[in-house]
Amino acid sequence: MPRPSTPLLSPDRIRSVALAIIDRDGLDGLSMRKLAAELGVQAASLYGHVRTKDQLLNDVASSILSSVDVSGFSVDWREGLLRCARSYRAALSSHPNIVPFLAYGPAGRDESLQRLDILHGALVDAGWSRREATMIAAGLMYIVFGSALSSFSSGFSSDPADYTGRYPHLDRAHLLPGVARELDRDSFELALAAFVRGL
């Protein structure tokens, strides 16, 4: 039987299928057995490419975070923070199910550490102490991850009866789920601008 012209397994294909499973089924829905089945191979075949599920998740995370833009730091540290936060949020919003894994920090992911090194270096070069630079980076991540972990606006009931007569300042809260995406984006921008301007 001739060998397939395209290998069944490649790092890109493994990451892509793993991410599709995470997007569809959540972090708990990803297993090496399920991934192997969707790739059309035996689970043992995967271990020649990926040693552990943690390594696989870190590889997937690195591919997602490769789109985080740190080019703004070559212009100005404030512009760098804005571009970095916006692109980070966009990357996470595209794959919200992996956010809890990423929220644990950069671990040993080279992609994350390279971007963090640029951010930290730009802040120190601008006159911030190393401690302050670390605190600014952490504050920025709190804003990014907080906005990516959940939607405040969609957490409201769309039934006006839940608010009318009981919560006079929330009499229009039932409209929030219909504009959740826009309101969440605008709320993120407000928090980001306040944070960066306040430094």
N, C-alpha and C. Protein backbone atom coordinates (compact mmCIF):
# COMPACT_ATOMS: atom_id res chain seq x y z
N MET A 1 0.85 -1.18 0.00
CA MET A 1 0.00 0.00 0.00
C MET A 1 0.90 1.24 0.00
N PRO A 2 0.65 2.20 -0.91
CA PRO A 2 1.50 3.39 -0.97
C PRO A 2 1.30 4.28 0.25
N ARG A 3 2.38 5.00 0.62
CA ARG A 3 2.31 5.94 1.74
C ARG A 3 1.48 7.15 1.32
N PRO A 4 0.73 7.74 2.26
CA PRO A 4 -0.04 8.94 1.91
C PRO A 4 0.90 10.08 1.54
N SER A 5 0.48 10.90 0.56
CA SER A 5 1.32 12.01 0.11
C SER A 5 1.44 13.08 1.19
N THR A 6 0.42 13.21 2.02
CA THR A 6 0.46 14.14 3.14
C THR A 6 0.51 13.33 4.43
N PRO A 7 1.50 13.58 5.29
CA PRO A 7 1.57 12.81 6.54
C PRO A 7 0.30 13.01 7.36
N LEU A 8 -0.14 11.92 8.01
CA LEU A 8 -1.34 12.00 8.85
C LEU A 8 -1.12 12.95 10.02
N LEU A 9 0.10 12.96 10.55
CA LEU A 9 0.37 13.77 11.72
C LEU A 9 1.47 14.80 11.42
N SER A 10 1.18 16.00 11.80
CA SER A 10 2.17 17.07 11.76
C SER A 10 1.88 17.95 12.97
N PRO A 11 2.86 18.69 13.46
CA PRO A 11 2.59 19.56 14.62
C PRO A 11 1.43 20.52 14.37
N ASP A 12 1.37 21.11 13.17
CA ASP A 12 0.28 22.05 12.86
C ASP A 12 -1.08 21.37 12.88
N ARG A 13 -1.15 20.18 12.29
CA ARG A 13 -2.44 19.47 12.25
C ARG A 13 -2.86 19.04 13.65
N ILE A 14 -1.92 18.57 14.44
CA ILE A 14 -2.24 18.15 15.82
C ILE A 14 -2.78 19.35 16.61
N ARG A 15 -2.08 20.49 16.53
CA ARG A 15 -2.54 21.69 17.25
C ARG A 15 -3.90 22.15 16.75
N SER A 16 -4.08 22.14 15.45
CA SER A 16 -5.33 22.62 14.86
C SER A 16 -6.53 21.77 15.30
N VAL A 17 -6.37 20.46 15.25
CA VAL A 17 -7.46 19.57 15.65
C VAL A 17 -7.69 19.65 17.16
N ALA A 18 -6.62 19.75 17.94
CA ALA A 18 -6.77 19.89 19.40
C ALA A 18 -7.53 21.17 19.73
N LEU A 19 -7.19 22.27 19.05
CA LEU A 19 -7.88 23.53 19.31
C LEU A 19 -9.34 23.44 18.90
N ALA A 20 -9.64 22.77 17.81
CA ALA A 20 -11.04 22.60 17.39
C ALA A 20 -11.83 21.83 18.45
N ILE A 21 -11.21 20.83 19.05
CA ILE A 21 -11.88 20.07 20.12
C ILE A 21 -12.11 20.97 21.33
N ILE A 22 -11.09 21.74 21.71
CA ILE A 22 -11.23 22.65 22.86
C ILE A 22 -12.32 23.68 22.59
N ASP A 23 -12.33 24.26 21.39
CA ASP A 23 -13.36 25.23 21.03
C ASP A 23 -14.76 24.62 21.11
N ARG A 24 -14.88 23.38 20.69
CA ARG A 24 -16.19 22.72 20.64
C ARG A 24 -16.60 22.13 21.99
N ASP A 25 -15.65 21.45 22.68
CA ASP A 25 -15.99 20.66 23.86
C ASP A 25 -15.42 21.18 25.17
N GLY A 26 -14.61 22.23 25.13
CA GLY A 26 -13.99 22.76 26.34
C GLY A 26 -12.70 22.03 26.67
N LEU A 27 -11.98 22.56 27.65
CA LEU A 27 -10.70 21.95 28.05
C LEU A 27 -10.88 20.51 28.52
N ASP A 28 -11.93 20.26 29.29
CA ASP A 28 -12.16 18.91 29.81
C ASP A 28 -12.53 17.93 28.70
N GLY A 29 -12.97 18.47 27.56
CA GLY A 29 -13.36 17.60 26.45
C GLY A 29 -12.18 17.11 25.63
N LEU A 30 -10.99 17.66 25.88
CA LEU A 30 -9.81 17.23 25.14
C LEU A 30 -9.12 16.09 25.87
N SER A 31 -8.95 14.99 25.17
CA SER A 31 -8.15 13.87 25.67
C SER A 31 -7.29 13.39 24.52
N MET A 32 -6.22 12.73 24.84
CA MET A 32 -5.33 12.21 23.80
C MET A 32 -6.07 11.17 22.96
N ARG A 33 -6.94 10.41 23.60
CA ARG A 33 -7.71 9.39 22.87
C ARG A 33 -8.67 10.05 21.88
N LYS A 34 -9.37 11.08 22.32
CA LYS A 34 -10.31 11.76 21.43
C LYS A 34 -9.55 12.45 20.29
N LEU A 35 -8.43 13.08 20.62
CA LEU A 35 -7.63 13.74 19.60
C LEU A 35 -7.15 12.73 18.56
N ALA A 36 -6.66 11.59 19.02
CA ALA A 36 -6.19 10.55 18.10
C ALA A 36 -7.31 10.09 17.18
N ALA A 37 -8.50 9.88 17.76
CA ALA A 37 -9.65 9.44 16.96
C ALA A 37 -9.98 10.46 15.88
N GLU A 38 -9.97 11.74 16.23
CA GLU A 38 -10.31 12.78 15.25
C GLU A 38 -9.21 12.95 14.20
N LEU A 39 -7.99 12.58 14.57
CA LEU A 39 -6.89 12.62 13.61
C LEU A 39 -6.82 11.35 12.76
N GLY A 40 -7.58 10.33 13.17
CA GLY A 40 -7.60 9.07 12.43
C GLY A 40 -6.38 8.19 12.69
N VAL A 41 -5.83 8.29 13.91
CA VAL A 41 -4.67 7.48 14.27
C VAL A 41 -4.90 6.85 15.64
N GLN A 42 -3.99 6.01 16.05
CA GLN A 42 -4.03 5.43 17.39
C GLN A 42 -3.41 6.42 18.38
N ALA A 43 -3.88 6.41 19.61
CA ALA A 43 -3.36 7.33 20.62
C ALA A 43 -1.85 7.19 20.78
N ALA A 44 -1.33 5.98 20.68
CA ALA A 44 0.11 5.76 20.83
C ALA A 44 0.90 6.53 19.77
N SER A 45 0.32 6.74 18.60
CA SER A 45 1.00 7.48 17.52
C SER A 45 1.24 8.93 17.91
N LEU A 46 0.37 9.49 18.72
CA LEU A 46 0.50 10.88 19.14
C LEU A 46 1.73 11.12 19.99
N TYR A 47 2.08 10.13 20.80
CA TYR A 47 3.15 10.34 21.77
C TYR A 47 4.53 10.49 21.11
N GLY A 48 4.64 10.18 19.84
CA GLY A 48 5.86 10.47 19.11
C GLY A 48 5.98 11.95 18.77
N HIS A 49 4.86 12.66 18.87
CA HIS A 49 4.81 14.09 18.52
C HIS A 49 4.57 14.98 19.74
N VAL A 50 3.80 14.46 20.69
CA VAL A 50 3.43 15.22 21.89
C VAL A 50 3.56 14.29 23.09
N ARG A 51 4.40 14.66 24.05
CA ARG A 51 4.66 13.77 25.19
C ARG A 51 3.50 13.72 26.18
N THR A 52 2.89 14.87 26.45
CA THR A 52 1.83 14.92 27.47
C THR A 52 0.72 15.87 27.00
N LYS A 53 -0.39 15.77 27.68
CA LYS A 53 -1.50 16.68 27.39
C LYS A 53 -1.10 18.12 27.74
N ASP A 54 -0.32 18.31 28.81
CA ASP A 54 0.15 19.65 29.16
C ASP A 54 1.02 20.25 28.05
N GLN A 55 1.90 19.44 27.50
CA GLN A 55 2.72 19.93 26.39
C GLN A 55 1.83 20.33 25.22
N LEU A 56 0.83 19.50 24.93
CA LEU A 56 -0.10 19.80 23.85
C LEU A 56 -0.82 21.12 24.11
N LEU A 57 -1.32 21.32 25.34
CA LEU A 57 -2.01 22.57 25.66
C LEU A 57 -1.08 23.77 25.55
N ASN A 58 0.16 23.61 25.97
CA ASN A 58 1.13 24.70 25.83
C ASN A 58 1.43 24.99 24.36
N ASP A 59 1.49 23.96 23.53
CA ASP A 59 1.71 24.16 22.09
C ASP A 59 0.52 24.90 21.48
N VAL A 60 -0.70 24.50 21.86
CA VAL A 60 -1.90 25.17 21.36
C VAL A 60 -1.92 26.63 21.83
N ALA A 61 -1.60 26.84 23.10
CA ALA A 61 -1.58 28.20 23.66
C ALA A 61 -0.58 29.07 22.92
N SER A 62 0.60 28.52 22.65
CA SER A 62 1.63 29.29 21.93
C SER A 62 1.15 29.69 20.54
N SER A 63 0.45 28.79 19.88
CA SER A 63 -0.04 29.14 18.53
C SER A 63 -1.09 30.25 18.60
N ILE A 64 -1.92 30.24 19.63
CA ILE A 64 -2.92 31.30 19.79
C ILE A 64 -2.25 32.63 20.11
N LEU A 65 -1.27 32.59 21.00
CA LEU A 65 -0.63 33.83 21.46
C LEU A 65 0.36 34.41 20.46
N SER A 66 0.63 33.68 19.39
CA SER A 66 1.54 34.21 18.38
C SER A 66 0.97 35.46 17.70
N SER A 67 -0.34 35.67 17.83
CA SER A 67 -0.97 36.85 17.21
C SER A 67 -0.97 38.08 18.13
N VAL A 68 -0.47 37.93 19.36
CA VAL A 68 -0.42 39.08 20.27
C VAL A 68 0.61 40.08 19.74
N ASP A 69 0.18 41.31 19.57
CA ASP A 69 0.98 42.36 18.93
C ASP A 69 1.78 43.16 19.97
N VAL A 70 3.10 43.05 19.89
CA VAL A 70 3.96 43.83 20.78
C VAL A 70 4.76 44.87 20.00
N SER A 71 4.36 45.09 18.75
CA SER A 71 5.10 46.05 17.91
C SER A 71 4.96 47.48 18.41
N GLY A 72 3.89 47.78 19.12
CA GLY A 72 3.65 49.14 19.61
C GLY A 72 4.71 49.61 20.59
N PHE A 73 5.41 48.69 21.23
CA PHE A 73 6.44 49.09 22.19
C PHE A 73 7.63 49.77 21.51
N SER A 74 7.76 49.57 20.21
CA SER A 74 8.84 50.27 19.49
C SER A 74 8.46 51.73 19.24
N VAL A 75 7.16 52.05 19.38
CA VAL A 75 6.68 53.42 19.21
C VAL A 75 6.71 54.16 20.54
N ASP A 76 6.07 53.55 21.55
CA ASP A 76 5.88 54.20 22.85
C ASP A 76 5.31 53.14 23.79
N TRP A 77 5.68 53.19 25.05
CA TRP A 77 5.22 52.14 25.97
C TRP A 77 3.71 52.14 26.15
N ARG A 78 3.08 53.33 26.13
CA ARG A 78 1.61 53.36 26.27
C ARG A 78 0.93 52.73 25.05
N GLU A 79 1.43 53.08 23.87
CA GLU A 79 0.88 52.49 22.64
C GLU A 79 1.11 50.98 22.65
N GLY A 80 2.26 50.57 23.15
CA GLY A 80 2.54 49.14 23.25
C GLY A 80 1.55 48.43 24.15
N LEU A 81 1.24 49.02 25.29
CA LEU A 81 0.26 48.40 26.20
C LEU A 81 -1.10 48.28 25.55
N LEU A 82 -1.52 49.33 24.84
CA LEU A 82 -2.84 49.32 24.19
C LEU A 82 -2.91 48.24 23.11
N ARG A 83 -1.93 48.21 22.23
CA ARG A 83 -1.93 47.21 21.15
C ARG A 83 -1.84 45.80 21.69
N CYS A 84 -0.97 45.62 22.68
CA CYS A 84 -0.80 44.30 23.27
C CYS A 84 -2.11 43.81 23.89
N ALA A 85 -2.74 44.65 24.69
CA ALA A 85 -3.98 44.25 25.37
C ALA A 85 -5.10 43.96 24.37
N ARG A 86 -5.24 44.80 23.36
CA ARG A 86 -6.32 44.61 22.38
C ARG A 86 -6.12 43.32 21.58
N SER A 87 -4.89 43.09 21.14
CA SER A 87 -4.64 41.88 20.35
C SER A 87 -4.72 40.63 21.23
N TYR A 88 -4.32 40.73 22.47
CA TYR A 88 -4.41 39.61 23.41
C TYR A 88 -5.87 39.25 23.64
N ARG A 89 -6.69 40.27 23.87
CA ARG A 89 -8.12 40.03 24.09
C ARG A 89 -8.76 39.42 22.85
N ALA A 90 -8.38 39.91 21.66
CA ALA A 90 -8.93 39.36 20.41
C ALA A 90 -8.56 37.89 20.27
N ALA A 91 -7.32 37.54 20.59
CA ALA A 91 -6.89 36.14 20.50
C ALA A 91 -7.68 35.27 21.47
N LEU A 92 -7.87 35.76 22.69
CA LEU A 92 -8.61 34.98 23.68
C LEU A 92 -10.09 34.89 23.35
N SER A 93 -10.65 35.96 22.81
CA SER A 93 -12.08 35.97 22.47
C SER A 93 -12.39 34.97 21.36
N SER A 94 -11.40 34.71 20.51
CA SER A 94 -11.61 33.73 19.44
C SER A 94 -11.62 32.30 19.97
N HIS A 95 -11.03 32.09 21.14
CA HIS A 95 -10.93 30.74 21.71
C HIS A 95 -11.16 30.79 23.22
N PRO A 96 -12.36 31.17 23.66
CA PRO A 96 -12.59 31.39 25.09
C PRO A 96 -12.42 30.15 25.97
N ASN A 97 -12.58 28.98 25.41
CA ASN A 97 -12.47 27.77 26.24
C ASN A 97 -11.06 27.50 26.74
N ILE A 98 -10.05 28.10 26.11
CA ILE A 98 -8.68 27.86 26.58
C ILE A 98 -8.22 28.93 27.58
N VAL A 99 -9.06 29.94 27.79
CA VAL A 99 -8.68 31.04 28.69
C VAL A 99 -8.32 30.55 30.10
N PRO A 100 -9.08 29.64 30.70
CA PRO A 100 -8.69 29.19 32.05
C PRO A 100 -7.28 28.58 32.10
N PHE A 101 -6.88 27.88 31.06
CA PHE A 101 -5.53 27.32 31.03
C PHE A 101 -4.49 28.43 30.94
N LEU A 102 -4.74 29.41 30.09
CA LEU A 102 -3.79 30.52 29.91
C LEU A 102 -3.73 31.43 31.13
N ALA A 103 -4.80 31.48 31.89
CA ALA A 103 -4.85 32.38 33.04
C ALA A 103 -3.85 32.00 34.13
N TYR A 104 -3.29 30.80 34.07
CA TYR A 104 -2.31 30.39 35.07
C TYR A 104 -0.95 31.06 34.87
N GLY A 105 -0.78 31.78 33.77
CA GLY A 105 0.48 32.48 33.53
C GLY A 105 1.25 31.88 32.38
N PRO A 106 2.42 32.46 32.09
CA PRO A 106 3.15 32.06 30.89
C PRO A 106 3.86 30.71 30.97
N ALA A 107 4.01 30.17 32.17
CA ALA A 107 4.70 28.87 32.35
C ALA A 107 6.01 28.90 31.58
N GLY A 108 6.28 27.87 30.81
CA GLY A 108 7.52 27.82 30.04
C GLY A 108 7.30 28.07 28.57
N ARG A 109 6.17 28.69 28.23
CA ARG A 109 5.85 28.92 26.81
C ARG A 109 6.72 30.02 26.24
N ASP A 110 7.58 29.67 25.32
CA ASP A 110 8.50 30.62 24.72
C ASP A 110 7.75 31.80 24.08
N GLU A 111 6.64 31.50 23.41
CA GLU A 111 5.85 32.55 22.75
C GLU A 111 5.39 33.60 23.76
N SER A 112 4.91 33.16 24.90
CA SER A 112 4.44 34.06 25.95
C SER A 112 5.60 34.83 26.58
N LEU A 113 6.68 34.11 26.86
CA LEU A 113 7.81 34.73 27.53
C LEU A 113 8.51 35.77 26.65
N GLN A 114 8.58 35.51 25.35
CA GLN A 114 9.18 36.50 24.43
C GLN A 114 8.39 37.80 24.46
N ARG A 115 7.07 37.70 24.40
CA ARG A 115 6.23 38.90 24.39
C ARG A 115 6.30 39.62 25.75
N LEU A 116 6.30 38.86 26.80
CA LEU A 116 6.40 39.44 28.13
C LEU A 116 7.76 40.14 28.32
N ASP A 117 8.80 39.56 27.77
CA ASP A 117 10.12 40.16 27.86
C ASP A 117 10.16 41.51 27.13
N ILE A 118 9.51 41.59 25.98
CA ILE A 118 9.46 42.85 25.23
C ILE A 118 8.68 43.89 26.03
N LEU A 119 7.53 43.49 26.55
CA LEU A 119 6.70 44.40 27.35
C LEU A 119 7.48 44.90 28.57
N HIS A 120 8.05 43.98 29.30
CA HIS A 120 8.78 44.33 30.53
C HIS A 120 9.98 45.22 30.21
N GLY A 121 10.71 44.86 29.17
CA GLY A 121 11.87 45.65 28.77
C GLY A 121 11.51 47.07 28.37
N ALA A 122 10.41 47.22 27.63
CA ALA A 122 9.97 48.56 27.20
C ALA A 122 9.60 49.42 28.40
N LEU A 123 8.96 48.82 29.39
CA LEU A 123 8.58 49.58 30.58
C LEU A 123 9.81 49.99 31.40
N VAL A 124 10.74 49.07 31.56
CA VAL A 124 11.97 49.40 32.30
C VAL A 124 12.76 50.48 31.55
N ASP A 125 12.84 50.34 30.22
CA ASP A 125 13.54 51.35 29.41
C ASP A 125 12.88 52.72 29.52
N ALA A 126 11.57 52.75 29.78
CA ALA A 126 10.84 54.01 29.90
C ALA A 126 10.98 54.62 31.29
N GLY A 127 11.69 53.92 32.20
CA GLY A 127 11.93 54.50 33.51
C GLY A 127 11.22 53.82 34.67
N TRP A 128 10.37 52.85 34.39
CA TRP A 128 9.71 52.12 35.47
C TRP A 128 10.71 51.17 36.11
N SER A 129 10.57 50.95 37.40
CA SER A 129 11.42 49.96 38.07
C SER A 129 10.98 48.57 37.60
N ARG A 130 11.81 47.58 37.83
CA ARG A 130 11.45 46.20 37.45
C ARG A 130 10.18 45.76 38.18
N ARG A 131 10.08 46.13 39.44
CA ARG A 131 8.88 45.77 40.22
C ARG A 131 7.65 46.43 39.63
N GLU A 132 7.75 47.72 39.32
CA GLU A 132 6.61 48.44 38.74
C GLU A 132 6.25 47.86 37.37
N ALA A 133 7.26 47.51 36.58
CA ALA A 133 6.99 46.92 35.26
C ALA A 133 6.23 45.61 35.40
N THR A 134 6.63 44.81 36.39
CA THR A 134 5.93 43.55 36.64
C THR A 134 4.49 43.81 37.07
N MET A 135 4.28 44.80 37.93
CA MET A 135 2.93 45.13 38.38
C MET A 135 2.06 45.66 37.22
N ILE A 136 2.65 46.46 36.35
CA ILE A 136 1.90 46.98 35.20
C ILE A 136 1.51 45.82 34.27
N ALA A 137 2.44 44.92 34.01
CA ALA A 137 2.14 43.76 33.16
C ALA A 137 1.03 42.92 33.79
N ALA A 138 1.10 42.71 35.10
CA ALA A 138 0.07 41.92 35.78
C ALA A 138 -1.28 42.63 35.72
N GLY A 139 -1.28 43.95 35.95
CA GLY A 139 -2.53 44.71 35.88
C GLY A 139 -3.16 44.63 34.50
N LEU A 140 -2.32 44.71 33.47
CA LEU A 140 -2.82 44.60 32.10
C LEU A 140 -3.46 43.24 31.86
N MET A 141 -2.81 42.19 32.38
CA MET A 141 -3.35 40.84 32.20
C MET A 141 -4.66 40.65 32.95
N TYR A 142 -4.80 41.30 34.12
CA TYR A 142 -6.06 41.21 34.85
C TYR A 142 -7.20 41.78 34.01
N ILE A 143 -6.95 42.88 33.34
CA ILE A 143 -7.97 43.49 32.49
C ILE A 143 -8.29 42.59 31.31
N VAL A 144 -7.25 42.08 30.65
CA VAL A 144 -7.44 41.23 29.47
C VAL A 144 -8.17 39.95 29.84
N PHE A 145 -7.68 39.25 30.85
CA PHE A 145 -8.29 37.97 31.20
C PHE A 145 -9.67 38.15 31.82
N GLY A 146 -9.85 39.20 32.60
CA GLY A 146 -11.17 39.47 33.17
C GLY A 146 -12.21 39.67 32.08
N SER A 147 -11.83 40.37 31.02
CA SER A 147 -12.79 40.61 29.94
C SER A 147 -12.99 39.37 29.09
N ALA A 148 -12.00 38.49 29.04
CA ALA A 148 -12.11 37.30 28.21
C ALA A 148 -12.81 36.14 28.92
N LEU A 149 -12.77 36.13 30.25
CA LEU A 149 -13.33 35.00 30.99
C LEU A 149 -14.85 34.95 30.98
N SER A 150 -15.48 36.11 30.92
CA SER A 150 -16.94 36.10 30.96
C SER A 150 -17.51 37.37 30.36
N SER A 151 -18.81 37.33 30.15
CA SER A 151 -19.51 38.50 29.65
C SER A 151 -20.41 39.02 30.77
N PHE A 152 -20.11 40.21 31.26
CA PHE A 152 -20.93 40.82 32.30
C PHE A 152 -22.35 41.07 31.77
N SER A 153 -22.44 41.64 30.59
CA SER A 153 -23.72 42.05 30.03
C SER A 153 -24.67 40.90 29.74
N SER A 154 -24.14 39.78 29.28
CA SER A 154 -25.03 38.67 28.94
C SER A 154 -25.52 37.93 30.18
N GLY A 155 -25.04 38.31 31.35
CA GLY A 155 -25.47 37.67 32.58
C GLY A 155 -26.79 38.19 33.12
N PHE A 156 -27.41 39.14 32.42
CA PHE A 156 -28.69 39.69 32.85
C PHE A 156 -29.84 38.95 32.17
N SER A 157 -30.96 38.88 32.86
CA SER A 157 -32.17 38.29 32.29
C SER A 157 -32.76 39.23 31.24
N SER A 158 -33.33 38.67 30.20
CA SER A 158 -33.96 39.50 29.17
C SER A 158 -35.44 39.76 29.48
N ASP A 159 -35.89 39.33 30.65
CA ASP A 159 -37.28 39.54 31.06
C ASP A 159 -37.37 40.83 31.90
N PRO A 160 -38.06 41.88 31.37
CA PRO A 160 -38.15 43.14 32.12
C PRO A 160 -38.80 42.98 33.50
N ALA A 161 -39.64 41.97 33.67
CA ALA A 161 -40.33 41.76 34.95
C ALA A 161 -39.35 41.45 36.08
N ASP A 162 -38.18 40.96 35.72
CA ASP A 162 -37.18 40.65 36.75
C ASP A 162 -36.63 41.91 37.42
N TYR A 163 -36.83 43.08 36.79
CA TYR A 163 -36.24 44.32 37.29
C TYR A 163 -37.28 45.40 37.63
N THR A 164 -38.37 45.44 36.89
CA THR A 164 -39.37 46.49 37.04
C THR A 164 -39.94 46.51 38.45
N GLY A 165 -39.93 47.70 39.04
CA GLY A 165 -40.50 47.88 40.37
C GLY A 165 -39.59 47.44 41.51
N ARG A 166 -38.58 46.67 41.22
CA ARG A 166 -37.68 46.16 42.26
C ARG A 166 -36.33 46.86 42.25
N TYR A 167 -35.84 47.17 41.06
CA TYR A 167 -34.52 47.77 40.91
C TYR A 167 -34.63 48.97 39.98
N PRO A 168 -34.99 50.12 40.52
CA PRO A 168 -35.28 51.28 39.67
C PRO A 168 -34.12 51.74 38.79
N HIS A 169 -32.90 51.48 39.20
CA HIS A 169 -31.76 51.90 38.39
C HIS A 169 -31.36 50.85 37.36
N LEU A 170 -32.04 49.73 37.41
CA LEU A 170 -31.77 48.65 36.45
C LEU A 170 -32.99 48.37 35.57
N ASP A 171 -33.84 49.37 35.38
CA ASP A 171 -35.08 49.16 34.65
C ASP A 171 -34.87 48.84 33.17
N ARG A 172 -33.65 49.02 32.66
CA ARG A 172 -33.36 48.68 31.27
C ARG A 172 -32.33 47.54 31.16
N ALA A 173 -32.06 46.90 32.28
CA ALA A 173 -31.06 45.83 32.30
C ALA A 173 -31.44 44.66 31.40
N HIS A 174 -32.74 44.48 31.17
CA HIS A 174 -33.18 43.37 30.32
C HIS A 174 -32.71 43.54 28.87
N LEU A 175 -32.27 44.74 28.50
CA LEU A 175 -31.79 44.99 27.14
C LEU A 175 -30.32 44.61 26.96
N LEU A 176 -29.61 44.44 28.05
CA LEU A 176 -28.16 44.20 27.99
C LEU A 176 -27.77 42.95 27.22
N PRO A 177 -28.45 41.82 27.38
CA PRO A 177 -28.02 40.64 26.63
C PRO A 177 -28.01 40.88 25.11
N GLY A 178 -28.87 41.74 24.62
CA GLY A 178 -28.93 42.01 23.18
C GLY A 178 -27.76 42.83 22.65
N VAL A 179 -27.06 43.51 23.53
CA VAL A 179 -25.91 44.34 23.12
C VAL A 179 -24.64 43.91 23.86
N ALA A 180 -24.64 42.67 24.34
CA ALA A 180 -23.54 42.20 25.20
C ALA A 180 -22.18 42.32 24.53
N ARG A 181 -22.08 41.87 23.29
CA ARG A 181 -20.77 41.88 22.61
C ARG A 181 -20.21 43.30 22.52
N GLU A 182 -21.05 44.23 22.07
CA GLU A 182 -20.62 45.62 21.92
C GLU A 182 -20.32 46.25 23.28
N LEU A 183 -21.18 46.02 24.25
CA LEU A 183 -20.99 46.61 25.57
C LEU A 183 -19.76 46.05 26.27
N ASP A 184 -19.54 44.75 26.12
CA ASP A 184 -18.35 44.15 26.73
C ASP A 184 -17.08 44.72 26.10
N ARG A 185 -17.08 44.90 24.78
CA ARG A 185 -15.91 45.49 24.11
C ARG A 185 -15.68 46.91 24.61
N ASP A 186 -16.75 47.71 24.67
CA ASP A 186 -16.63 49.09 25.11
C ASP A 186 -16.20 49.17 26.58
N SER A 187 -16.67 48.25 27.39
CA SER A 187 -16.27 48.22 28.81
C SER A 187 -14.79 47.88 28.94
N PHE A 188 -14.32 46.94 28.12
CA PHE A 188 -12.90 46.61 28.10
C PHE A 188 -12.08 47.84 27.71
N GLU A 189 -12.51 48.54 26.66
CA GLU A 189 -11.78 49.74 26.19
C GLU A 189 -11.75 50.82 27.27
N LEU A 190 -12.85 50.99 27.98
CA LEU A 190 -12.91 51.98 29.06
C LEU A 190 -11.91 51.62 30.16
N ALA A 191 -11.92 50.37 30.60
CA ALA A 191 -11.01 49.94 31.65
C ALA A 191 -9.55 50.04 31.20
N LEU A 192 -9.29 49.65 29.96
CA LEU A 192 -7.93 49.70 29.44
C LEU A 192 -7.43 51.14 29.37
N ALA A 193 -8.26 52.03 28.83
CA ALA A 193 -7.86 53.45 28.71
C ALA A 193 -7.61 54.05 30.09
N ALA A 194 -8.49 53.76 31.05
CA ALA A 194 -8.33 54.30 32.40
C ALA A 194 -7.04 53.78 33.02
N PHE A 195 -6.74 52.52 32.81
CA PHE A 195 -5.53 51.92 33.36
C PHE A 195 -4.28 52.58 32.77
N VAL A 196 -4.22 52.65 31.44
CA VAL A 196 -3.03 53.18 30.78
C VAL A 196 -2.85 54.67 31.05
N ARG A 197 -3.94 55.43 31.00
CA ARG A 197 -3.85 56.88 31.29
C ARG A 197 -3.44 57.15 32.73
N GLY A 198 -3.85 56.26 33.63
CA GLY A 198 -3.58 56.45 35.05
C GLY A 198 -2.15 56.16 35.45
N LEU A 199 -1.36 55.62 34.55
CA LEU A 199 0.03 55.28 34.89
C LEU A 199 0.94 56.48 34.81
